[in-house]
N, C-alpha and C. Protein backbone atom coordinates (compact mmCIF):
# COMPACT_ATOMS: atom_id res chain seq x y z
N MET A 1 9.26 128.63 19.93
CA MET A 1 9.41 129.70 20.89
C MET A 1 10.63 129.47 21.78
N ILE A 2 10.77 128.23 22.26
CA ILE A 2 11.90 127.91 23.13
C ILE A 2 13.21 128.05 22.37
N VAL A 3 13.18 127.73 21.09
CA VAL A 3 14.39 127.83 20.27
C VAL A 3 14.86 129.27 20.21
N ILE A 4 13.95 130.20 20.03
CA ILE A 4 14.31 131.61 19.94
C ILE A 4 14.85 132.12 21.27
N ILE A 5 14.23 131.71 22.36
CA ILE A 5 14.71 132.10 23.68
C ILE A 5 16.11 131.54 23.92
N ALA A 6 16.32 130.27 23.57
CA ALA A 6 17.63 129.65 23.74
C ALA A 6 18.68 130.35 22.88
N LEU A 7 18.29 130.74 21.68
CA LEU A 7 19.21 131.43 20.78
C LEU A 7 19.67 132.76 21.38
N PHE A 8 18.74 133.55 21.87
CA PHE A 8 19.10 134.84 22.47
C PHE A 8 19.88 134.66 23.77
N PHE A 9 19.51 133.67 24.57
CA PHE A 9 20.24 133.41 25.81
C PHE A 9 21.68 133.00 25.50
N GLY A 10 21.86 132.14 24.51
CA GLY A 10 23.20 131.73 24.12
C GLY A 10 24.03 132.88 23.59
N ALA A 11 23.41 133.75 22.80
CA ALA A 11 24.13 134.90 22.25
C ALA A 11 24.56 135.84 23.37
N ALA A 12 23.68 136.07 24.33
CA ALA A 12 24.04 136.94 25.45
C ALA A 12 25.14 136.32 26.30
N LEU A 13 25.04 135.01 26.54
CA LEU A 13 26.05 134.32 27.32
C LEU A 13 27.40 134.36 26.62
N GLY A 14 27.41 134.15 25.31
CA GLY A 14 28.66 134.19 24.56
C GLY A 14 29.29 135.56 24.57
N ALA A 15 28.50 136.59 24.39
CA ALA A 15 29.03 137.95 24.41
C ALA A 15 29.57 138.30 25.79
N PHE A 16 28.87 137.87 26.83
CA PHE A 16 29.34 138.12 28.19
C PHE A 16 30.66 137.41 28.46
N LYS A 17 30.76 136.17 27.98
CA LYS A 17 31.98 135.41 28.19
C LYS A 17 33.16 136.03 27.46
N ALA A 18 32.93 136.53 26.25
CA ALA A 18 34.01 137.18 25.50
C ALA A 18 34.44 138.48 26.19
N ARG A 19 33.48 139.24 26.69
CA ARG A 19 33.81 140.49 27.38
C ARG A 19 34.57 140.21 28.67
N LYS A 20 34.19 139.15 29.37
CA LYS A 20 34.87 138.78 30.61
C LYS A 20 36.32 138.39 30.35
N ARG A 21 36.59 137.80 29.18
CA ARG A 21 37.95 137.40 28.83
C ARG A 21 38.75 138.53 28.21
N GLY A 22 38.17 139.71 28.13
CA GLY A 22 38.89 140.88 27.63
C GLY A 22 38.82 141.04 26.12
N GLY A 23 37.80 140.49 25.48
CA GLY A 23 37.68 140.57 24.03
C GLY A 23 37.12 141.90 23.56
N ASN A 24 37.38 142.22 22.30
CA ASN A 24 36.84 143.44 21.71
C ASN A 24 35.47 143.14 21.09
N LEU A 25 34.93 144.07 20.33
CA LEU A 25 33.59 143.93 19.77
C LEU A 25 33.49 142.73 18.82
N ALA A 26 34.52 142.53 18.00
CA ALA A 26 34.49 141.40 17.07
C ALA A 26 34.47 140.07 17.81
N ASP A 27 35.23 139.99 18.90
CA ASP A 27 35.22 138.77 19.71
C ASP A 27 33.85 138.52 20.32
N MET A 28 33.23 139.58 20.84
CA MET A 28 31.91 139.43 21.44
C MET A 28 30.87 138.99 20.40
N LEU A 29 30.95 139.54 19.20
CA LEU A 29 30.02 139.14 18.14
C LEU A 29 30.23 137.68 17.73
N GLN A 30 31.49 137.28 17.62
CA GLN A 30 31.77 135.91 17.22
C GLN A 30 31.32 134.92 18.30
N TYR A 31 31.68 135.17 19.54
CA TYR A 31 31.26 134.30 20.63
C TYR A 31 29.74 134.26 20.72
N GLY A 32 29.11 135.42 20.58
CA GLY A 32 27.65 135.47 20.64
C GLY A 32 27.00 134.66 19.53
N ALA A 33 27.56 134.73 18.33
CA ALA A 33 27.00 133.97 17.21
C ALA A 33 27.16 132.47 17.43
N VAL A 34 28.33 132.06 17.85
CA VAL A 34 28.58 130.62 18.05
C VAL A 34 27.74 130.07 19.19
N TYR A 35 27.73 130.76 20.31
CA TYR A 35 26.93 130.30 21.44
C TYR A 35 25.44 130.33 21.09
N GLY A 36 25.01 131.33 20.34
CA GLY A 36 23.62 131.38 19.92
C GLY A 36 23.24 130.19 19.06
N MET A 37 24.12 129.82 18.13
CA MET A 37 23.84 128.65 17.28
C MET A 37 23.81 127.36 18.10
N ILE A 38 24.75 127.22 19.01
CA ILE A 38 24.80 126.00 19.83
C ILE A 38 23.54 125.88 20.69
N PHE A 39 23.19 126.96 21.37
CA PHE A 39 22.00 126.92 22.23
C PHE A 39 20.72 126.79 21.41
N GLY A 40 20.70 127.38 20.22
CA GLY A 40 19.53 127.23 19.35
C GLY A 40 19.32 125.80 18.92
N ILE A 41 20.41 125.11 18.56
CA ILE A 41 20.30 123.71 18.16
C ILE A 41 19.89 122.85 19.35
N LEU A 42 20.47 123.11 20.52
CA LEU A 42 20.06 122.36 21.71
C LEU A 42 18.59 122.60 22.04
N GLY A 43 18.13 123.82 21.89
CA GLY A 43 16.72 124.12 22.12
C GLY A 43 15.82 123.43 21.12
N LEU A 44 16.28 123.34 19.87
CA LEU A 44 15.51 122.64 18.84
C LEU A 44 15.38 121.17 19.18
N PHE A 45 16.49 120.53 19.55
CA PHE A 45 16.44 119.12 19.93
C PHE A 45 15.57 118.92 21.16
N GLY A 46 15.67 119.80 22.13
CA GLY A 46 14.83 119.70 23.31
C GLY A 46 13.36 119.82 22.99
N THR A 47 13.03 120.71 22.07
CA THR A 47 11.64 120.89 21.66
C THR A 47 11.13 119.65 20.93
N ILE A 48 11.95 119.09 20.05
CA ILE A 48 11.54 117.89 19.31
C ILE A 48 11.34 116.72 20.26
N ILE A 49 12.28 116.52 21.18
CA ILE A 49 12.17 115.40 22.13
C ILE A 49 10.94 115.57 23.01
N THR A 50 10.70 116.78 23.51
CA THR A 50 9.53 117.02 24.34
C THR A 50 8.25 116.80 23.56
N HIS A 51 8.20 117.25 22.34
CA HIS A 51 6.99 117.08 21.54
C HIS A 51 6.75 115.60 21.24
N ARG A 52 7.80 114.86 20.95
CA ARG A 52 7.65 113.42 20.66
C ARG A 52 7.16 112.66 21.89
N MET A 53 7.59 113.06 23.06
CA MET A 53 7.18 112.35 24.27
C MET A 53 5.73 112.65 24.64
N LEU A 54 5.25 113.83 24.28
CA LEU A 54 3.89 114.21 24.65
C LEU A 54 2.84 113.71 23.66
N VAL A 55 3.27 113.37 22.46
CA VAL A 55 2.29 112.94 21.44
C VAL A 55 2.20 111.45 21.38
């Protein structure tokens, strides 16, 4: 669940950052995809570490 939330948050943050820098639609999609993947992986690692510590 946290991974999905992190993925969407990263995608929104990436698209916002591209728009702020004056990018077009393709730039916003690319930034959103990359940031979504990065935040998704970080969320996955966070979930694994948290689960390992609690078990």
